[in-house]
Amino acid sequence: MTVLSRRQALLGAGALLAAPRIGNAQALPRVRFTLDWTFHGSYAFAAAGERNGIFRDHGIDFSISRGFGSGRVPIDIAAGTYDIGIGDMTPAIRFMAENPQRDVVAVAIVYDQSPACCTVRADGPITEPKMLEGKTLAAPEFDGGRQIFPVFARAVGFDASKVSWNSISPELREPMLVQRRADGITGFITSTGLSLKALGMDWPQQRIFRYKNYGMDFYGSGLLTTRTFLREKPEVARQAIAALLKAQIWAYRNPDQAIAFLKQRETLTDVAIETERQQVTFNEMMVSDVVKQHGMSHFEPARAQKQIDAVVETFALPNKPSVDQVYDGRFLPPANELRLTAGA
């Protein structure tokens, strides 16, 4: 038996302390991720993935930032400000068509249905979308509902150029309608509907024109990144996409716990409002017949082509991206991992 001297023992301990840390303590690859709006109930899945270990278990260190409208997301992705973002597919397609050299591509469909809408007062004179012509609407410039309003107007059959806009900051949008300082507002129903309710204008007091009910069977929000990121960090991209989709499915299966994680992250969260907002997100955007049958991110090229055609024709764009240029589903996890119901 060998007996170590005190000096040998101390040297050995020092060597252990100086050795590089490995295993679970090893630094994970960092992915800069942006939402398209504030951190509320629709994005409780991101708070859950961050705090229940899903992101860590997929080997990703996510840095999550709030967004300022779906129209802004592809701009920030193309600029390299973020690696991945969630944003509505319609303004993303417009950006791709106008900036084919900017490398932006969708890699997953998070919300199968579009939440874009225009909301007016139920006690007001506007009872159908065509009556918006000649009226004044309020919305931030990069608001997703405003970005694709011309497509909606074209589908309904009125002149979008005859609508006036008040460009305001996000926090002023709903008060403009409540205070009758605008005839209507655009946005995502998950934002406008609940924010109006929080200001005292409950659902029956809102007349909501959902774009999807007027011939716009478009995909809602997708995960956006660049082909450069996919090429340079394919495994990081693959794991990040899987982690985000798994977190969304986990939140769907565990909605109350997801809101609890949101409350931990955002201490001013109104639990009642955000619980309802999350459920509206599930009902209006996430759970469609397609998703029930096939799982999340089931992509149909023909459906996407109609969305591309509508965007290009409405905005008279000189370039029409192909479906393959818009969407790349090669980095998705297996289909059985994208089912909403366990064991389905």
Protein backbone atom coordinates (compact mmCIF):
# COMPACT_ATOMS: atom_id res chain seq x y z
CA MET A 1 0.00 0.00 0.00
CA THR A 2 1.37 3.38 -1.03
CA VAL A 3 0.98 6.27 1.41
CA LEU A 4 0.79 9.73 -0.20
CA SER A 5 2.59 12.58 1.41
CA ARG A 6 0.64 15.70 2.34
CA ARG A 7 2.36 17.54 -0.54
CA GLN A 8 1.42 14.84 -3.06
CA ALA A 9 -2.18 14.87 -1.88
CA LEU A 10 -2.40 18.65 -2.22
CA LEU A 11 -0.84 18.57 -5.68
CA GLY A 12 -3.28 15.87 -6.76
CA ALA A 13 -6.25 17.88 -5.50
CA GLY A 14 -4.97 20.97 -7.30
CA ALA A 15 -4.68 19.06 -10.53
CA LEU A 16 -8.29 17.92 -10.23
CA LEU A 17 -9.46 21.46 -9.59
CA ALA A 18 -7.50 22.73 -12.59
CA ALA A 19 -8.78 20.05 -14.97
CA PRO A 20 -11.34 21.15 -17.56
CA ARG A 21 -14.97 20.47 -16.62
CA ILE A 22 -16.68 17.94 -18.86
CA GLY A 23 -19.98 16.12 -19.11
CA ASN A 24 -23.16 18.02 -18.10
CA ALA A 25 -21.14 21.07 -17.10
CA GLN A 26 -19.69 21.49 -20.59
CA ALA A 27 -20.91 24.66 -22.31
CA LEU A 28 -23.85 24.01 -24.63
CA PRO A 29 -24.10 25.62 -28.06
CA ARG A 30 -25.97 28.90 -27.77
CA VAL A 31 -28.90 29.66 -30.07
CA ARG A 32 -30.33 33.17 -30.23
CA PHE A 33 -34.10 32.82 -30.59
CA THR A 34 -36.68 35.56 -31.09
CA LEU A 35 -40.42 35.54 -30.58
CA ASP A 36 -42.54 37.77 -32.80
CA TRP A 37 -44.27 39.56 -29.92
CA THR A 38 -44.16 39.94 -26.17
CA PHE A 39 -43.63 36.97 -23.86
CA HIS A 40 -47.24 35.97 -23.14
CA GLY A 41 -49.42 32.85 -22.98
CA SER A 42 -48.93 31.94 -26.64
CA TYR A 43 -45.25 31.51 -25.89
CA ALA A 44 -45.52 29.75 -22.55
CA PHE A 45 -43.95 26.79 -24.35
CA ALA A 46 -40.67 28.72 -24.61
CA ALA A 47 -40.65 29.46 -20.89
CA ALA A 48 -41.46 25.82 -20.20
CA GLY A 49 -38.71 24.48 -22.46
CA GLU A 50 -36.26 26.85 -20.83
CA ARG A 51 -37.19 25.86 -17.28
CA ASN A 52 -38.27 22.21 -17.35
CA GLY A 53 -35.09 20.93 -18.99
CA ILE A 54 -36.33 20.27 -22.55
CA PHE A 55 -33.90 22.71 -24.13
CA ARG A 56 -31.01 21.52 -21.97
CA ASP A 57 -31.82 17.86 -22.68
CA HIS A 58 -31.56 18.62 -26.40
CA GLY A 59 -28.13 20.11 -25.83
CA ILE A 60 -29.11 23.72 -26.59
CA ASP A 61 -28.65 26.91 -24.59
CA PHE A 62 -31.42 29.19 -25.87
CA SER A 63 -31.24 32.94 -25.50
CA ILE A 64 -34.87 34.05 -25.93
CA SER A 65 -35.87 37.61 -26.87
CA ARG A 66 -39.25 39.25 -27.31
CA GLY A 67 -40.24 40.39 -30.79
CA PHE A 68 -41.85 43.46 -32.33
CA GLY A 69 -44.11 41.97 -34.98
CA SER A 70 -43.95 39.12 -37.47
CA GLY A 71 -42.85 41.46 -40.21
CA ARG A 72 -39.70 42.22 -38.26
CA VAL A 73 -38.63 38.61 -37.63
CA PRO A 74 -37.25 37.73 -41.11
CA ILE A 75 -35.42 41.07 -41.19
CA ASP A 76 -33.67 40.31 -37.90
CA ILE A 77 -32.93 36.72 -38.94
CA ALA A 78 -31.41 37.87 -42.24
CA ALA A 79 -29.34 40.49 -40.42
CA GLY A 80 -27.85 37.82 -38.16
CA THR A 81 -29.31 39.33 -34.99
CA TYR A 82 -30.92 35.97 -34.20
CA ASP A 83 -30.32 32.40 -35.34
CA ILE A 84 -33.93 31.20 -35.28
CA GLY A 85 -37.23 33.01 -34.85
CA ILE A 86 -40.95 32.36 -34.87
CA GLY A 87 -42.98 34.46 -37.28
CA ASP A 88 -46.04 34.41 -39.49
CA MET A 89 -45.40 32.74 -42.82
CA THR A 90 -47.14 35.32 -45.01
CA PRO A 91 -44.86 38.29 -44.25
CA ALA A 92 -41.95 35.84 -44.25
CA ILE A 93 -42.84 34.78 -47.81
CA ARG A 94 -43.07 38.41 -48.86
CA PHE A 95 -39.62 39.07 -47.40
CA MET A 96 -38.18 36.04 -49.21
CA ALA A 97 -39.70 37.20 -52.49
CA GLU A 98 -38.36 40.73 -52.09
CA ASN A 99 -34.96 39.63 -50.79
CA PRO A 100 -34.06 36.32 -52.47
CA GLN A 101 -30.38 36.86 -51.71
CA ARG A 102 -30.96 37.15 -47.95
CA ASP A 103 -30.95 33.39 -47.28
CA VAL A 104 -34.07 33.18 -45.07
CA VAL A 105 -36.01 29.89 -45.00
CA ALA A 106 -38.75 28.28 -42.90
CA VAL A 107 -37.83 24.96 -41.29
CA ALA A 108 -41.00 24.05 -39.37
CA ILE A 109 -44.65 25.02 -39.07
CA VAL A 110 -45.49 25.79 -35.46
CA TYR A 111 -49.05 27.02 -36.01
CA ASP A 112 -51.03 25.38 -38.81
CA GLN A 113 -53.65 28.15 -38.90
CA SER A 114 -53.15 31.88 -39.25
CA PRO A 115 -54.20 34.05 -36.27
CA ALA A 116 -54.26 37.26 -38.35
CA CYS A 117 -57.40 39.32 -37.98
CA CYS A 118 -58.95 42.77 -38.02
CA THR A 119 -61.08 43.74 -35.03
CA VAL A 120 -63.70 46.46 -34.74
CA ARG A 121 -66.21 47.35 -32.04
CA ALA A 122 -69.30 45.12 -31.94
CA ASP A 123 -71.39 48.21 -31.14
CA GLY A 124 -69.96 50.11 -34.12
CA PRO A 125 -71.20 50.57 -37.68
CA ILE A 126 -68.74 48.14 -39.36
CA THR A 127 -70.49 44.82 -39.76
CA GLU A 128 -68.54 43.26 -42.65
CA PRO A 129 -64.97 43.54 -43.94
CA LYS A 130 -65.86 45.53 -47.09
CA MET A 131 -66.99 48.35 -44.80
CA LEU A 132 -63.35 48.85 -43.72
CA GLU A 133 -62.75 50.73 -46.98
CA GLY A 134 -62.34 54.42 -46.19
CA LYS A 135 -61.84 53.78 -42.47
CA THR A 136 -58.84 54.29 -40.17
CA LEU A 137 -57.04 51.33 -38.62
CA ALA A 138 -54.32 51.33 -35.97
CA ALA A 139 -51.38 48.96 -35.74
CA PRO A 140 -47.59 48.91 -35.46
CA GLU A 141 -45.88 48.97 -38.83
CA PHE A 142 -44.46 45.45 -38.46
CA ASP A 143 -47.67 43.94 -37.06
CA GLY A 144 -48.43 40.66 -38.84
CA GLY A 145 -52.12 41.47 -39.36
CA ARG A 146 -51.22 44.79 -40.95
CA GLN A 147 -48.47 43.30 -43.09
CA ILE A 148 -50.90 40.94 -44.81
CA PHE A 149 -53.97 43.20 -44.72
CA PRO A 150 -53.71 43.85 -48.49
CA VAL A 151 -53.98 40.10 -49.10
CA PHE A 152 -57.09 40.02 -46.91
CA ALA A 153 -58.60 43.02 -48.73
CA ARG A 154 -57.94 41.39 -52.09
CA ALA A 155 -59.57 38.14 -50.94
CA VAL A 156 -62.64 39.98 -49.65
CA GLY A 157 -62.89 42.38 -52.58
CA PHE A 158 -62.19 45.91 -51.39
CA ASP A 159 -59.47 48.48 -52.01
CA ALA A 160 -56.78 48.34 -49.31
CA SER A 161 -55.28 51.60 -50.56
CA LYS A 162 -58.40 53.40 -49.36
CA VAL A 163 -57.75 52.42 -45.76
CA SER A 164 -55.84 54.92 -43.59
CA TRP A 165 -53.35 53.77 -40.98
CA ASN A 166 -52.24 55.09 -37.63
CA SER A 167 -48.75 53.68 -37.04
CA ILE A 168 -48.48 53.32 -33.28
CA SER A 169 -46.36 51.47 -30.75
CA PRO A 170 -47.61 48.01 -29.72
CA GLU A 171 -48.90 49.05 -26.29
CA LEU A 172 -51.17 51.72 -27.83
CA ARG A 173 -52.94 49.48 -30.34
CA GLU A 174 -55.81 48.12 -28.24
CA PRO A 175 -56.40 51.40 -26.32
CA MET A 176 -56.93 53.10 -29.69
CA LEU A 177 -59.97 50.90 -30.32
CA VAL A 178 -61.25 51.01 -26.76
CA GLN A 179 -61.05 54.81 -26.75
CA ARG A 180 -62.69 55.03 -30.22
CA ARG A 181 -59.61 56.74 -31.65
CA ALA A 182 -59.50 54.21 -34.51
CA ASP A 183 -62.21 52.35 -36.40
CA GLY A 184 -60.38 49.08 -36.02
CA ILE A 185 -57.08 47.37 -35.33
CA THR A 186 -55.16 44.54 -36.93
CA GLY A 187 -53.07 41.89 -35.26
CA PHE A 188 -53.13 38.31 -34.12
CA ILE A 189 -56.28 37.25 -32.31
CA THR A 190 -54.13 35.83 -29.53
CA SER A 191 -52.78 39.32 -28.86
CA THR A 192 -55.64 41.67 -29.72
CA GLY A 193 -58.48 39.57 -28.31
CA LEU A 194 -57.00 39.07 -24.86
CA SER A 195 -55.46 42.53 -24.63
CA LEU A 196 -58.84 44.10 -25.41
CA LYS A 197 -60.45 41.88 -22.80
CA ALA A 198 -57.87 43.02 -20.23
CA LEU A 199 -58.94 46.61 -21.01
CA GLY A 200 -62.59 45.82 -20.37
CA MET A 201 -63.71 45.00 -23.93
CA ASP A 202 -64.67 41.34 -23.60
CA TRP A 203 -65.14 38.93 -26.50
CA PRO A 204 -68.85 39.77 -27.13
CA GLN A 205 -67.88 43.43 -27.51
CA GLN A 206 -65.39 42.60 -30.28
CA ARG A 207 -66.33 41.99 -33.90
CA ILE A 208 -63.45 39.93 -35.26
CA PHE A 209 -62.78 39.38 -38.94
CA ARG A 210 -60.50 36.35 -39.03
CA TYR A 211 -58.55 36.33 -42.28
CA LYS A 212 -58.68 32.55 -42.45
CA ASN A 213 -62.48 32.71 -42.77
CA TYR A 214 -62.21 34.68 -46.02
CA GLY A 215 -60.47 32.26 -48.34
CA MET A 216 -57.03 32.59 -46.77
CA ASP A 217 -56.25 29.00 -45.79
CA PHE A 218 -52.69 29.96 -45.04
CA TYR A 219 -50.07 28.53 -42.75
CA GLY A 220 -49.66 30.53 -39.56
CA SER A 221 -46.34 30.86 -37.79
CA GLY A 222 -43.21 28.95 -38.68
CA LEU A 223 -39.66 28.67 -37.43
CA LEU A 224 -37.40 30.86 -39.57
CA THR A 225 -33.64 30.67 -39.93
CA THR A 226 -31.04 31.02 -42.69
CA ARG A 227 -29.57 28.42 -45.02
CA THR A 228 -26.18 29.57 -43.82
CA PHE A 229 -27.04 28.54 -40.25
CA LEU A 230 -28.34 25.18 -41.49
CA ARG A 231 -25.19 24.61 -43.52
CA GLU A 232 -22.71 25.69 -40.86
CA LYS A 233 -24.44 24.19 -37.79
CA PRO A 234 -26.73 21.41 -39.03
CA GLU A 235 -26.84 19.39 -35.82
CA VAL A 236 -27.37 22.47 -33.66
CA ALA A 237 -30.23 23.47 -35.96
CA ARG A 238 -31.71 19.98 -35.87
CA GLN A 239 -31.65 19.82 -32.08
CA ALA A 240 -32.94 23.37 -31.68
CA ILE A 241 -35.91 22.71 -33.96
CA ALA A 242 -36.71 19.46 -32.15
CA ALA A 243 -36.46 21.18 -28.76
CA LEU A 244 -38.82 24.01 -29.72
CA LEU A 245 -41.45 21.69 -31.16
CA LYS A 246 -41.20 19.32 -28.21
CA ALA A 247 -41.66 22.24 -25.82
CA GLN A 248 -44.79 23.30 -27.71
CA ILE A 249 -46.26 19.80 -27.51
CA TRP A 250 -45.34 19.59 -23.82
CA ALA A 251 -47.16 22.88 -23.17
CA TYR A 252 -50.23 21.57 -25.00
CA ARG A 253 -50.25 18.48 -22.79
CA ASN A 254 -49.42 20.42 -19.61
CA PRO A 255 -51.02 23.87 -20.06
CA ASP A 256 -51.25 24.88 -16.39
CA GLN A 257 -47.64 23.94 -15.72
CA ALA A 258 -46.54 25.86 -18.81
CA ILE A 259 -48.26 29.00 -17.53
CA ALA A 260 -46.62 28.47 -14.13
CA PHE A 261 -43.22 28.47 -15.87
CA LEU A 262 -44.25 31.64 -17.74
CA LYS A 263 -45.12 33.25 -14.40
CA GLN A 264 -41.69 32.30 -13.04
CA ARG A 265 -40.02 33.96 -16.01
CA GLU A 266 -42.33 36.98 -16.31
CA THR A 267 -43.38 37.86 -12.77
CA LEU A 268 -46.06 40.35 -13.88
CA THR A 269 -47.94 37.65 -15.80
CA ASP A 270 -51.73 37.75 -15.28
CA VAL A 271 -52.30 34.02 -14.88
CA ALA A 272 -56.01 34.10 -15.74
CA ILE A 273 -55.54 36.15 -18.91
CA GLU A 274 -52.48 34.21 -20.10
CA THR A 275 -54.11 30.84 -19.40
CA GLU A 276 -56.97 31.89 -21.66
CA ARG A 277 -54.56 33.29 -24.25
CA GLN A 278 -52.72 29.98 -24.37
CA GLN A 279 -55.98 28.11 -24.89
CA VAL A 280 -57.03 30.52 -27.65
CA THR A 281 -53.66 29.83 -29.29
CA PHE A 282 -54.30 26.10 -29.20
CA ASN A 283 -57.87 26.45 -30.52
CA GLU A 284 -57.32 29.13 -33.16
CA MET A 285 -53.84 28.32 -34.44
CA MET A 286 -52.33 25.04 -33.36
CA VAL A 287 -54.97 22.29 -33.32
CA SER A 288 -56.42 21.84 -36.81
CA ASP A 289 -57.82 18.73 -38.48
CA VAL A 290 -54.49 18.39 -40.30
CA VAL A 291 -52.51 18.47 -37.05
CA LYS A 292 -54.90 16.05 -35.35
CA GLN A 293 -54.35 13.59 -38.19
CA HIS A 294 -50.67 14.04 -38.97
CA GLY A 295 -49.05 15.89 -36.07
CA MET A 296 -47.25 19.24 -36.04
CA SER A 297 -45.48 20.71 -39.05
CA HIS A 298 -47.26 18.59 -41.65
CA PHE A 299 -46.39 20.54 -44.78
CA GLU A 300 -48.46 20.41 -47.96
CA PRO A 301 -46.68 21.98 -50.96
CA ALA A 302 -49.92 22.75 -52.82
CA ARG A 303 -51.28 24.71 -49.86
CA ALA A 304 -48.01 26.61 -49.53
CA GLN A 305 -48.05 27.38 -53.26
CA LYS A 306 -51.44 29.09 -52.92
CA GLN A 307 -50.04 31.22 -50.11
CA ILE A 308 -46.99 32.15 -52.19
CA ASP A 309 -49.16 32.98 -55.22
CA ALA A 310 -51.47 35.20 -53.15
CA VAL A 311 -48.57 37.14 -51.64
CA VAL A 312 -46.76 37.67 -54.95
CA GLU A 313 -49.92 38.70 -56.81
CA THR A 314 -51.22 41.04 -54.09
CA PHE A 315 -47.96 42.95 -53.72
CA ALA A 316 -47.08 42.71 -57.43
CA LEU A 317 -43.67 41.26 -56.62
CA PRO A 318 -41.24 40.65 -59.49
CA ASN A 319 -39.84 37.47 -57.98
CA LYS A 320 -41.83 34.37 -56.99
CA PRO A 321 -39.96 31.97 -54.70
CA SER A 322 -40.55 28.27 -55.17
CA VAL A 323 -41.97 26.13 -52.41
CA ASP A 324 -38.54 24.58 -51.91
CA GLN A 325 -37.02 28.03 -51.51
CA VAL A 326 -39.58 28.94 -48.86
CA TYR A 327 -39.55 25.73 -46.81
CA ASP A 328 -36.97 23.09 -45.88
CA GLY A 329 -38.34 20.29 -43.71
CA ARG A 330 -35.21 18.11 -43.67
CA PHE A 331 -34.28 19.09 -40.12
CA LEU A 332 -37.54 18.05 -38.47
CA PRO A 333 -37.65 15.25 -35.91
CA PRO A 334 -39.46 12.00 -36.85
CA ALA A 335 -43.22 12.31 -37.42
CA ASN A 336 -44.05 10.16 -34.38
CA GLU A 337 -42.41 12.79 -32.16
CA LEU A 338 -44.70 15.50 -33.50
CA ARG A 339 -48.02 14.01 -32.38
CA LEU A 340 -50.02 16.12 -29.95
CA THR A 341 -51.31 13.09 -28.05
CA ALA A 342 -48.87 10.69 -26.45
CA GLY A 343 -48.89 7.31 -28.14
CA ALA A 344 -50.98 8.53 -31.08
